[in-house]
Amino acid sequence: MRLILRAVAGLALLALAGTAQAQDGLEAAKAAGLVGERADGFAGIVTDGAPADVKALVDRVNAARVARYREIARANGVTPDQVQALAGRKLVEDTPRGQFVQVPGRGWVRK
Protein backbone atom coordinates (compact mmCIF):
# COMPACT_ATOMS: atom_id res chain seq x y z
CA MET A 1 0.00 0.00 0.00
CA ARG A 2 2.90 2.38 0.64
CA LEU A 3 4.10 1.92 -2.92
CA ILE A 4 0.66 2.88 -4.14
CA LEU A 5 0.65 5.97 -1.97
CA ARG A 6 4.04 7.03 -3.31
CA ALA A 7 2.94 6.39 -6.87
CA VAL A 8 -0.25 8.33 -6.32
CA ALA A 9 1.67 11.18 -4.68
CA GLY A 10 3.48 11.67 -7.97
CA LEU A 11 0.26 11.33 -9.88
CA ALA A 12 -0.56 15.01 -9.65
CA LEU A 13 2.20 15.55 -12.17
CA LEU A 14 1.66 12.48 -14.31
CA ALA A 15 -2.13 12.39 -14.36
CA LEU A 16 -2.59 15.80 -15.80
CA ALA A 17 -2.31 14.51 -19.34
CA GLY A 18 1.22 13.87 -20.36
CA THR A 19 1.95 16.89 -22.54
CA ALA A 20 2.87 20.41 -21.58
CA GLN A 21 0.15 21.76 -23.87
CA ALA A 22 -2.55 19.62 -22.23
CA GLN A 23 -1.20 20.58 -18.79
CA ASP A 24 -1.37 24.27 -19.62
CA GLY A 25 -4.85 23.88 -21.10
CA LEU A 26 -6.11 21.97 -18.08
CA GLU A 27 -4.70 24.50 -15.64
CA ALA A 28 -6.22 27.37 -17.64
CA ALA A 29 -9.62 25.64 -17.76
CA LYS A 30 -9.47 24.99 -14.02
CA ALA A 31 -8.50 28.61 -13.30
CA ALA A 32 -11.40 29.78 -15.49
CA GLY A 33 -13.82 27.65 -13.47
CA LEU A 34 -14.71 25.40 -16.41
CA VAL A 35 -13.03 22.23 -15.12
CA GLY A 36 -12.56 20.78 -11.67
CA GLU A 37 -11.25 17.68 -9.95
CA ARG A 38 -13.63 14.86 -9.08
CA ALA A 39 -13.28 12.58 -6.06
CA ASP A 40 -13.15 9.59 -8.40
CA GLY A 41 -9.76 10.62 -9.81
CA PHE A 42 -10.98 12.24 -12.99
CA ALA A 43 -11.27 15.80 -14.21
CA GLY A 44 -14.81 16.99 -14.84
CA ILE A 45 -16.68 19.74 -16.63
CA VAL A 46 -18.07 22.18 -14.06
CA THR A 47 -20.42 24.14 -16.32
CA ASP A 48 -22.82 22.94 -18.99
CA GLY A 49 -21.64 25.68 -21.32
CA ALA A 50 -18.01 24.57 -21.55
CA PRO A 51 -16.59 24.87 -25.08
CA ALA A 52 -16.04 21.72 -27.14
CA ASP A 53 -12.25 22.10 -26.95
CA VAL A 54 -12.43 22.05 -23.14
CA LYS A 55 -14.56 18.91 -23.25
CA ALA A 56 -12.04 17.30 -25.63
CA LEU A 57 -9.20 18.30 -23.28
CA VAL A 58 -10.96 16.69 -20.31
CA ASP A 59 -11.47 13.52 -22.36
CA ARG A 60 -7.73 13.40 -23.22
CA VAL A 61 -6.69 14.07 -19.63
CA ASN A 62 -9.01 11.37 -18.30
CA ALA A 63 -7.83 8.83 -20.89
CA ALA A 64 -4.24 9.49 -19.80
CA ARG A 65 -5.25 9.11 -16.17
CA VAL A 66 -6.96 5.76 -16.81
CA ALA A 67 -3.80 4.48 -18.47
CA ARG A 68 -1.65 5.69 -15.58
CA TYR A 69 -4.00 4.23 -12.95
CA ARG A 70 -3.78 0.86 -14.70
CA GLU A 71 0.03 1.02 -14.79
CA ILE A 72 0.25 1.83 -11.09
CA ALA A 73 -2.27 -0.88 -10.21
CA ARG A 74 -0.44 -3.50 -12.26
CA ALA A 75 2.91 -2.57 -10.72
CA ASN A 76 1.50 -2.79 -7.18
CA GLY A 77 -0.81 -5.79 -7.48
CA VAL A 78 -3.97 -3.84 -6.70
CA THR A 79 -7.03 -2.86 -8.67
CA PRO A 80 -7.24 0.28 -10.78
CA ASP A 81 -10.25 1.29 -8.67
CA GLN A 82 -8.07 1.38 -5.56
CA VAL A 83 -5.49 3.56 -7.31
CA GLN A 84 -8.22 5.76 -8.75
CA ALA A 85 -9.77 6.34 -5.31
CA LEU A 86 -6.42 7.32 -3.80
CA ALA A 87 -5.62 9.56 -6.75
CA GLY A 88 -8.99 11.25 -6.50
CA ARG A 89 -8.45 12.02 -2.86
CA LYS A 90 -4.96 13.40 -3.59
CA LEU A 91 -6.05 15.48 -6.58
CA VAL A 92 -8.96 17.01 -4.64
CA GLU A 93 -6.69 17.74 -1.64
CA ASP A 94 -4.10 19.37 -3.91
CA THR A 95 -6.60 21.54 -5.77
CA PRO A 96 -5.75 25.18 -5.09
CA ARG A 97 -8.15 27.45 -3.23
CA GLY A 98 -10.62 29.09 -5.59
CA GLN A 99 -10.84 26.15 -8.00
CA PHE A 100 -13.67 23.62 -8.17
CA VAL A 101 -13.87 20.13 -6.73
CA GLN A 102 -16.80 17.75 -6.93
CA VAL A 103 -18.02 16.69 -3.53
CA PRO A 104 -20.16 13.53 -3.45
CA GLY A 105 -23.69 14.47 -2.55
CA ARG A 106 -23.04 18.20 -2.95
CA GLY A 107 -21.91 18.61 -6.55
CA TRP A 108 -19.31 21.15 -7.61
CA VAL A 109 -18.01 23.48 -4.91
CA ARG A 110 -15.35 26.16 -5.02
CA LYS A 111 -12.56 25.19 -2.69
C-alpha atoms as a PDB file:
ATOM      1  CA  MET A   1       0.000   0.000   0.000  1.00  0.00           C
ATOM      2  CA  ARG A   2       2.901   2.384   0.640  1.00  0.00           C
ATOM      3  CA  LEU A   3       4.099   1.925  -2.918  1.00  0.00           C
ATOM      4  CA  ILE A   4       0.663   2.881  -4.138  1.00  0.00           C
ATOM      5  CA  LEU A   5       0.645   5.969  -1.970  1.00  0.00           C
ATOM      6  CA  ARG A   6       4.042   7.026  -3.311  1.00  0.00           C
ATOM      7  CA  ALA A   7       2.944   6.388  -6.871  1.00  0.00           C
ATOM      8  CA  VAL A   8      -0.250   8.331  -6.321  1.00  0.00           C
ATOM      9  CA  ALA A   9       1.671  11.176  -4.676  1.00  0.00           C
ATOM     10  CA  GLY A  10       3.479  11.675  -7.975  1.00  0.00           C
ATOM     11  CA  LEU A  11       0.257  11.333  -9.878  1.00  0.00           C
ATOM     12  CA  ALA A  12      -0.564  15.011  -9.649  1.00  0.00           C
ATOM     13  CA  LEU A  13       2.200  15.548 -12.169  1.00  0.00           C
ATOM     14  CA  LEU A  14       1.657  12.476 -14.305  1.00  0.00           C
ATOM     15  CA  ALA A  15      -2.126  12.385 -14.360  1.00  0.00           C
ATOM     16  CA  LEU A  16      -2.588  15.805 -15.797  1.00  0.00           C
ATOM     17  CA  ALA A  17      -2.305  14.508 -19.344  1.00  0.00           C
ATOM     18  CA  GLY A  18       1.222  13.872 -20.362  1.00  0.00           C
ATOM     19  CA  THR A  19       1.955  16.885 -22.536  1.00  0.00           C
ATOM     20  CA  ALA A  20       2.869  20.410 -21.581  1.00  0.00           C
ATOM     21  CA  GLN A  21       0.153  21.761 -23.873  1.00  0.00           C
ATOM     22  CA  ALA A  22      -2.550  19.621 -22.233  1.00  0.00           C
ATOM     23  CA  GLN A  23      -1.195  20.576 -18.789  1.00  0.00           C
ATOM     24  CA  ASP A  24      -1.372  24.272 -19.623  1.00  0.00           C
ATOM     25  CA  GLY A  25      -4.848  23.876 -21.105  1.00  0.00           C
ATOM     26  CA  LEU A  26      -6.112  21.971 -18.080  1.00  0.00           C
ATOM     27  CA  GLU A  27      -4.702  24.501 -15.640  1.00  0.00           C
ATOM     28  CA  ALA A  28      -6.218  27.366 -17.635  1.00  0.00           C
ATOM     29  CA  ALA A  29      -9.621  25.642 -17.762  1.00  0.00           C
ATOM     30  CA  LYS A  30      -9.475  24.992 -14.021  1.00  0.00           C
ATOM     31  CA  ALA A  31      -8.496  28.609 -13.298  1.00  0.00           C
ATOM     32  CA  ALA A  32     -11.403  29.783 -15.485  1.00  0.00           C
ATOM     33  CA  GLY A  33     -13.821  27.646 -13.467  1.00  0.00           C
ATOM     34  CA  LEU A  34     -14.710  25.395 -16.408  1.00  0.00           C
ATOM     35  CA  VAL A  35     -13.030  22.232 -15.119  1.00  0.00           C
ATOM     36  CA  GLY A  36     -12.560  20.779 -11.671  1.00  0.00           C
ATOM     37  CA  GLU A  37     -11.253  17.678  -9.946  1.00  0.00           C
ATOM     38  CA  ARG A  38     -13.625  14.863  -9.081  1.00  0.00           C
ATOM     39  CA  ALA A  39     -13.276  12.580  -6.062  1.00  0.00           C
ATOM     40  CA  ASP A  40     -13.145   9.586  -8.403  1.00  0.00           C
ATOM     41  CA  GLY A  41      -9.757  10.620  -9.806  1.00  0.00           C
ATOM     42  CA  PHE A  42     -10.977  12.243 -12.989  1.00  0.00           C
ATOM     43  CA  ALA A  43     -11.271  15.801 -14.207  1.00  0.00           C
ATOM     44  CA  GLY A  44     -14.806  16.995 -14.845  1.00  0.00           C
ATOM     45  CA  ILE A  45     -16.678  19.739 -16.626  1.00  0.00           C
ATOM     46  CA  VAL A  46     -18.069  22.182 -14.064  1.00  0.00           C
ATOM     47  CA  THR A  47     -20.418  24.139 -16.322  1.00  0.00           C
ATOM     48  CA  ASP A  48     -22.818  22.942 -18.988  1.00  0.00           C
ATOM     49  CA  GLY A  49     -21.641  25.683 -21.324  1.00  0.00           C
ATOM     50  CA  ALA A  50     -18.009  24.568 -21.553  1.00  0.00           C
ATOM     51  CA  PRO A  51     -16.593  24.875 -25.084  1.00  0.00           C
ATOM     52  CA  ALA A  52     -16.036  21.724 -27.145  1.00  0.00           C
ATOM     53  CA  ASP A  53     -12.255  22.105 -26.947  1.00  0.00           C
ATOM     54  CA  VAL A  54     -12.426  22.051 -23.135  1.00  0.00           C
ATOM     55  CA  LYS A  55     -14.562  18.910 -23.251  1.00  0.00           C
ATOM     56  CA  ALA A  56     -12.038  17.301 -25.625  1.00  0.00           C
ATOM     57  CA  LEU A  57      -9.200  18.297 -23.280  1.00  0.00           C
ATOM     58  CA  VAL A  58     -10.960  16.689 -20.312  1.00  0.00           C
ATOM     59  CA  ASP A  59     -11.474  13.516 -22.361  1.00  0.00           C
ATOM     60  CA  ARG A  60      -7.730  13.405 -23.224  1.00  0.00           C
ATOM     61  CA  VAL A  61      -6.692  14.070 -19.631  1.00  0.00           C
ATOM     62  CA  ASN A  62      -9.012  11.374 -18.305  1.00  0.00           C
ATOM     63  CA  ALA A  63      -7.829   8.829 -20.891  1.00  0.00           C
ATOM     64  CA  ALA A  64      -4.244   9.485 -19.802  1.00  0.00           C
ATOM     65  CA  ARG A  65      -5.254   9.106 -16.167  1.00  0.00           C
ATOM     66  CA  VAL A  66      -6.962   5.760 -16.808  1.00  0.00           C
ATOM     67  CA  ALA A  67      -3.802   4.484 -18.465  1.00  0.00           C
ATOM     68  CA  ARG A  68      -1.653   5.695 -15.580  1.00  0.00           C
ATOM     69  CA  TYR A  69      -3.998   4.226 -12.952  1.00  0.00           C
ATOM     70  CA  ARG A  70      -3.782   0.860 -14.699  1.00  0.00           C
ATOM     71  CA  GLU A  71       0.033   1.023 -14.792  1.00  0.00           C
ATOM     72  CA  ILE A  72       0.252   1.831 -11.094  1.00  0.00           C
ATOM     73  CA  ALA A  73      -2.271  -0.884 -10.211  1.00  0.00           C
ATOM     74  CA  ARG A  74      -0.443  -3.504 -12.262  1.00  0.00           C
ATOM     75  CA  ALA A  75       2.909  -2.566 -10.717  1.00  0.00           C
ATOM     76  CA  ASN A  76       1.496  -2.792  -7.184  1.00  0.00           C
ATOM     77  CA  GLY A  77      -0.812  -5.794  -7.483  1.00  0.00           C
ATOM     78  CA  VAL A  78      -3.967  -3.843  -6.696  1.00  0.00           C
ATOM     79  CA  THR A  79      -7.034  -2.865  -8.671  1.00  0.00           C
ATOM     80  CA  PRO A  80      -7.237   0.277 -10.784  1.00  0.00           C
ATOM     81  CA  ASP A  81     -10.251   1.288  -8.670  1.00  0.00           C
ATOM     82  CA  GLN A  82      -8.068   1.381  -5.560  1.00  0.00           C
ATOM     83  CA  VAL A  83      -5.490   3.555  -7.307  1.00  0.00           C
ATOM     84  CA  GLN A  84      -8.218   5.764  -8.747  1.00  0.00           C
ATOM     85  CA  ALA A  85      -9.767   6.342  -5.311  1.00  0.00           C
ATOM     86  CA  LEU A  86      -6.418   7.322  -3.796  1.00  0.00           C
ATOM     87  CA  ALA A  87      -5.616   9.555  -6.750  1.00  0.00           C
ATOM     88  CA  GLY A  88      -8.994  11.245  -6.499  1.00  0.00           C
ATOM     89  CA  ARG A  89      -8.448  12.024  -2.857  1.00  0.00           C
ATOM     90  CA  LYS A  90      -4.957  13.397  -3.588  1.00  0.00           C
ATOM     91  CA  LEU A  91      -6.054  15.483  -6.585  1.00  0.00           C
ATOM     92  CA  VAL A  92      -8.958  17.015  -4.635  1.00  0.00           C
ATOM     93  CA  GLU A  93      -6.693  17.742  -1.644  1.00  0.00           C
ATOM     94  CA  ASP A  94      -4.100  19.373  -3.909  1.00  0.00           C
ATOM     95  CA  THR A  95      -6.603  21.544  -5.770  1.00  0.00           C
ATOM     96  CA  PRO A  96      -5.750  25.183  -5.086  1.00  0.00           C
ATOM     97  CA  ARG A  97      -8.145  27.445  -3.230  1.00  0.00           C
ATOM     98  CA  GLY A  98     -10.619  29.087  -5.593  1.00  0.00           C
ATOM     99  CA  GLN A  99     -10.841  26.147  -7.996  1.00  0.00           C
ATOM    100  CA  PHE A 100     -13.666  23.623  -8.172  1.00  0.00           C
ATOM    101  CA  VAL A 101     -13.867  20.127  -6.728  1.00  0.00           C
ATOM    102  CA  GLN A 102     -16.796  17.755  -6.934  1.00  0.00           C
ATOM    103  CA  VAL A 103     -18.018  16.688  -3.528  1.00  0.00           C
ATOM    104  CA  PRO A 104     -20.156  13.527  -3.446  1.00  0.00           C
ATOM    105  CA  GLY A 105     -23.695  14.471  -2.545  1.00  0.00           C
ATOM    106  CA  ARG A 106     -23.036  18.204  -2.954  1.00  0.00           C
ATOM    107  CA  GLY A 107     -21.910  18.607  -6.552  1.00  0.00           C
ATOM    108  CA  TRP A 108     -19.310  21.153  -7.609  1.00  0.00           C
ATOM    109  CA  VAL A 109     -18.011  23.483  -4.909  1.00  0.00           C
ATOM    110  CA  ARG A 110     -15.354  26.163  -5.018  1.00  0.00           C
ATOM    111  CA  LYS A 111     -12.557  25.190  -2.690  1.00  0.00           C
END
